[in-house]
Amino acid sequence: MEDSKKKPIMIGVIVICLVLAGVITFATRSRDSGGLESLERGVMYWVKCNNPDCEHTWEMDRKDYFQYLKDHQDPMSMAAPGIACDECGEESGFRAEKCEQCELIFTRGTVPHDFADRCPDCSHSKTERLRKEARTRQD
């Protein structure tokens, strides 16, 4: 085939590929927004009241937790807003962890400069355990 006939065919193939790539990108992007709507119910988070006179703990659905943060977040603040406690009514509830070893429920990040899920009582961290297991499997 002559070069003068190959050039329009090659340009046509390139244009079709670009259009197809655009359609695929648009279709997959609009299908899953990745926002709160994509979260399924049933995953529970622990919340602990930081009021020293209360220290009530409760579980909250992950979707409700993030919806609360979205609705109450101060755009000028880097910190998460406190959640109203069921017991004392103070907005002093914050995400917590339940230690898988000693079952203490504690506010995330209690141990400074460490994993957020490091237990202040027994020093166990689920994150650390999972990472060690992953390294062991790789070796």
C-alpha atoms as a PDB file:
ATOM      1  CA  MET A   1       0.000   0.000   0.000  1.00  0.00           C
ATOM      2  CA  GLU A   2       1.212   3.496  -0.793  1.00  0.00           C
ATOM      3  CA  ASP A   3       2.325   5.863   1.963  1.00  0.00           C
ATOM      4  CA  SER A   4      -0.296   8.428   0.900  1.00  0.00           C
ATOM      5  CA  LYS A   5      -3.072   5.883   1.582  1.00  0.00           C
ATOM      6  CA  LYS A   6      -1.579   4.600   4.874  1.00  0.00           C
ATOM      7  CA  LYS A   7      -1.484   8.036   6.521  1.00  0.00           C
ATOM      8  CA  PRO A   8      -5.298   8.684   6.597  1.00  0.00           C
ATOM      9  CA  ILE A   9      -5.908   5.135   7.846  1.00  0.00           C
ATOM     10  CA  MET A  10      -3.365   5.563  10.681  1.00  0.00           C
ATOM     11  CA  ILE A  11      -4.896   8.924  11.666  1.00  0.00           C
ATOM     12  CA  GLY A  12      -8.359   7.341  11.696  1.00  0.00           C
ATOM     13  CA  VAL A  13      -7.179   4.484  13.941  1.00  0.00           C
ATOM     14  CA  ILE A  14      -5.556   6.946  16.372  1.00  0.00           C
ATOM     15  CA  VAL A  15      -8.712   9.095  16.538  1.00  0.00           C
ATOM     16  CA  ILE A  16     -10.899   6.035  17.188  1.00  0.00           C
ATOM     17  CA  CYS A  17      -8.538   4.864  19.977  1.00  0.00           C
ATOM     18  CA  LEU A  18      -8.608   8.308  21.643  1.00  0.00           C
ATOM     19  CA  VAL A  19     -12.406   8.485  21.490  1.00  0.00           C
ATOM     20  CA  LEU A  20     -12.685   4.962  22.883  1.00  0.00           C
ATOM     21  CA  ALA A  21     -10.283   5.807  25.754  1.00  0.00           C
ATOM     22  CA  GLY A  22     -12.365   8.905  26.565  1.00  0.00           C
ATOM     23  CA  VAL A  23     -15.623   6.920  26.605  1.00  0.00           C
ATOM     24  CA  ILE A  24     -14.140   4.234  28.880  1.00  0.00           C
ATOM     25  CA  THR A  25     -12.734   6.851  31.280  1.00  0.00           C
ATOM     26  CA  PHE A  26     -16.028   8.735  31.457  1.00  0.00           C
ATOM     27  CA  ALA A  27     -18.095   5.573  31.930  1.00  0.00           C
ATOM     28  CA  THR A  28     -15.976   4.177  34.767  1.00  0.00           C
ATOM     29  CA  ARG A  29     -15.616   7.531  36.513  1.00  0.00           C
ATOM     30  CA  SER A  30     -19.296   8.359  36.653  1.00  0.00           C
ATOM     31  CA  ARG A  31     -20.263   4.873  37.835  1.00  0.00           C
ATOM     32  CA  ASP A  32     -18.522   5.111  41.253  1.00  0.00           C
ATOM     33  CA  SER A  33     -18.104   8.530  42.773  1.00  0.00           C
ATOM     34  CA  GLY A  34     -16.122   7.168  45.730  1.00  0.00           C
ATOM     35  CA  GLY A  35     -17.996   9.475  48.122  1.00  0.00           C
ATOM     36  CA  LEU A  36     -20.214   8.707  51.091  1.00  0.00           C
ATOM     37  CA  GLU A  37     -22.782   7.128  48.779  1.00  0.00           C
ATOM     38  CA  SER A  38     -20.324   4.338  47.952  1.00  0.00           C
ATOM     39  CA  LEU A  39     -19.940   3.277  51.609  1.00  0.00           C
ATOM     40  CA  GLU A  40     -21.999   0.274  52.617  1.00  0.00           C
ATOM     41  CA  ARG A  41     -23.618   0.045  56.021  1.00  0.00           C
ATOM     42  CA  GLY A  42     -22.560  -2.553  58.561  1.00  0.00           C
ATOM     43  CA  VAL A  43     -18.943  -1.575  59.278  1.00  0.00           C
ATOM     44  CA  MET A  44     -18.873  -0.275  62.834  1.00  0.00           C
ATOM     45  CA  TYR A  45     -16.459   2.214  64.422  1.00  0.00           C
ATOM     46  CA  TRP A  46     -15.909   2.630  68.143  1.00  0.00           C
ATOM     47  CA  VAL A  47     -16.420   6.107  69.620  1.00  0.00           C
ATOM     48  CA  LYS A  48     -15.274   7.164  73.079  1.00  0.00           C
ATOM     49  CA  CYS A  49     -16.317  10.208  75.073  1.00  0.00           C
ATOM     50  CA  ASN A  50     -13.241  12.158  76.186  1.00  0.00           C
ATOM     51  CA  ASN A  51     -15.130  13.861  79.025  1.00  0.00           C
ATOM     52  CA  PRO A  52     -13.230  12.540  82.095  1.00  0.00           C
ATOM     53  CA  ASP A  53     -16.475  12.414  84.099  1.00  0.00           C
ATOM     54  CA  CYS A  54     -18.163  10.231  81.484  1.00  0.00           C
ATOM     55  CA  GLU A  55     -15.818   8.143  79.255  1.00  0.00           C
ATOM     56  CA  HIS A  56     -18.853   6.429  77.667  1.00  0.00           C
ATOM     57  CA  THR A  57     -18.101   4.202  74.636  1.00  0.00           C
ATOM     58  CA  TRP A  58     -20.417   3.205  71.823  1.00  0.00           C
ATOM     59  CA  GLU A  59     -20.363   1.873  68.280  1.00  0.00           C
ATOM     60  CA  MET A  60     -21.367   3.950  65.270  1.00  0.00           C
ATOM     61  CA  ASP A  61     -21.866   2.877  61.659  1.00  0.00           C
ATOM     62  CA  ARG A  62     -18.934   3.994  59.496  1.00  0.00           C
ATOM     63  CA  LYS A  63     -21.241   5.745  57.023  1.00  0.00           C
ATOM     64  CA  ASP A  64     -22.961   7.698  59.829  1.00  0.00           C
ATOM     65  CA  TYR A  65     -19.557   8.577  61.312  1.00  0.00           C
ATOM     66  CA  PHE A  66     -18.254  10.088  58.066  1.00  0.00           C
ATOM     67  CA  GLN A  67     -21.586  11.809  57.393  1.00  0.00           C
ATOM     68  CA  TYR A  68     -21.363  13.434  60.857  1.00  0.00           C
ATOM     69  CA  LEU A  69     -17.808  14.594  60.139  1.00  0.00           C
ATOM     70  CA  LYS A  70     -18.877  16.017  56.790  1.00  0.00           C
ATOM     71  CA  ASP A  71     -21.863  17.846  58.305  1.00  0.00           C
ATOM     72  CA  HIS A  72     -19.998  19.264  61.332  1.00  0.00           C
ATOM     73  CA  GLN A  73     -16.431  19.842  60.099  1.00  0.00           C
ATOM     74  CA  ASP A  74     -15.108  23.385  60.514  1.00  0.00           C
ATOM     75  CA  PRO A  75     -13.258  24.173  57.255  1.00  0.00           C
ATOM     76  CA  MET A  76     -10.721  26.216  59.226  1.00  0.00           C
ATOM     77  CA  SER A  77      -9.868  23.329  61.574  1.00  0.00           C
ATOM     78  CA  MET A  78      -7.566  20.379  60.979  1.00  0.00           C
ATOM     79  CA  ALA A  79      -9.145  18.384  63.825  1.00  0.00           C
ATOM     80  CA  ALA A  80     -12.211  16.170  63.594  1.00  0.00           C
ATOM     81  CA  PRO A  81     -15.268  17.582  65.355  1.00  0.00           C
ATOM     82  CA  GLY A  82     -16.417  15.940  68.568  1.00  0.00           C
ATOM     83  CA  ILE A  83     -19.533  13.779  68.376  1.00  0.00           C
ATOM     84  CA  ALA A  84     -22.342  14.366  70.872  1.00  0.00           C
ATOM     85  CA  CYS A  85     -22.131  11.720  73.587  1.00  0.00           C
ATOM     86  CA  ASP A  86     -25.248   9.642  74.253  1.00  0.00           C
ATOM     87  CA  GLU A  87     -24.623   9.777  78.010  1.00  0.00           C
ATOM     88  CA  CYS A  88     -23.389  13.279  78.936  1.00  0.00           C
ATOM     89  CA  GLY A  89     -24.491  15.241  75.867  1.00  0.00           C
ATOM     90  CA  GLU A  90     -21.054  16.868  75.432  1.00  0.00           C
ATOM     91  CA  GLU A  91     -19.559  17.007  71.952  1.00  0.00           C
ATOM     92  CA  SER A  92     -16.568  15.040  73.184  1.00  0.00           C
ATOM     93  CA  GLY A  93     -16.886  11.700  71.375  1.00  0.00           C
ATOM     94  CA  PHE A  94     -14.000  10.740  69.112  1.00  0.00           C
ATOM     95  CA  ARG A  95     -13.113   7.680  67.052  1.00  0.00           C
ATOM     96  CA  ALA A  96     -11.697   4.930  69.200  1.00  0.00           C
ATOM     97  CA  GLU A  97     -10.181   1.473  68.907  1.00  0.00           C
ATOM     98  CA  LYS A  98     -10.894  -1.737  70.772  1.00  0.00           C
ATOM     99  CA  CYS A  99      -7.658  -3.576  71.491  1.00  0.00           C
ATOM    100  CA  GLU A 100      -7.841  -7.069  70.022  1.00  0.00           C
ATOM    101  CA  GLN A 101      -5.577  -8.328  72.801  1.00  0.00           C
ATOM    102  CA  CYS A 102      -6.822  -6.800  76.098  1.00  0.00           C
ATOM    103  CA  GLU A 103     -10.153  -5.381  74.755  1.00  0.00           C
ATOM    104  CA  LEU A 104      -9.561  -1.880  76.176  1.00  0.00           C
ATOM    105  CA  ILE A 105     -11.477   0.792  74.244  1.00  0.00           C
ATOM    106  CA  PHE A 106      -9.290   3.880  73.826  1.00  0.00           C
ATOM    107  CA  THR A 107      -9.199   7.028  71.704  1.00  0.00           C
ATOM    108  CA  ARG A 108      -7.138   6.601  68.531  1.00  0.00           C
ATOM    109  CA  GLY A 109      -3.677   8.134  68.687  1.00  0.00           C
ATOM    110  CA  THR A 110      -3.390   7.907  72.465  1.00  0.00           C
ATOM    111  CA  VAL A 111       0.255   6.789  72.237  1.00  0.00           C
ATOM    112  CA  PRO A 112       2.178   9.716  70.675  1.00  0.00           C
ATOM    113  CA  HIS A 113       4.363   9.155  67.590  1.00  0.00           C
ATOM    114  CA  ASP A 114       3.114   5.596  67.112  1.00  0.00           C
ATOM    115  CA  PHE A 115       0.398   3.646  65.291  1.00  0.00           C
ATOM    116  CA  ALA A 116      -3.041   5.179  65.903  1.00  0.00           C
ATOM    117  CA  ASP A 117      -4.272   1.809  67.177  1.00  0.00           C
ATOM    118  CA  ARG A 118      -1.438   1.256  69.709  1.00  0.00           C
ATOM    119  CA  CYS A 119      -3.068   0.234  72.991  1.00  0.00           C
ATOM    120  CA  PRO A 120      -1.933   2.442  75.887  1.00  0.00           C
ATOM    121  CA  ASP A 121      -2.477  -0.450  78.316  1.00  0.00           C
ATOM    122  CA  CYS A 122      -0.816  -3.518  76.732  1.00  0.00           C
ATOM    123  CA  SER A 123       1.075  -1.848  73.796  1.00  0.00           C
ATOM    124  CA  HIS A 124      -0.564  -4.111  71.179  1.00  0.00           C
ATOM    125  CA  SER A 125      -1.180  -2.700  67.676  1.00  0.00           C
ATOM    126  CA  LYS A 126      -3.272  -4.531  65.079  1.00  0.00           C
ATOM    127  CA  THR A 127      -1.655  -2.464  62.312  1.00  0.00           C
ATOM    128  CA  GLU A 128       1.818  -3.472  63.456  1.00  0.00           C
ATOM    129  CA  ARG A 129       0.771  -7.139  63.677  1.00  0.00           C
ATOM    130  CA  LEU A 130      -0.691  -7.113  60.156  1.00  0.00           C
ATOM    131  CA  ARG A 131       2.429  -5.493  58.720  1.00  0.00           C
ATOM    132  CA  LYS A 132       4.690  -8.053  60.381  1.00  0.00           C
ATOM    133  CA  GLU A 133       2.516 -10.874  59.004  1.00  0.00           C
ATOM    134  CA  ALA A 134       2.674  -9.356  55.512  1.00  0.00           C
ATOM    135  CA  ARG A 135       6.483  -9.120  55.674  1.00  0.00           C
ATOM    136  CA  THR A 136       6.683 -12.725  56.865  1.00  0.00           C
ATOM    137  CA  ARG A 137       4.576 -13.885  53.894  1.00  0.00           C
ATOM    138  CA  GLN A 138       6.826 -11.970  51.467  1.00  0.00           C
ATOM    139  CA  ASP A 139       9.993 -13.621  52.777  1.00  0.00           C
END
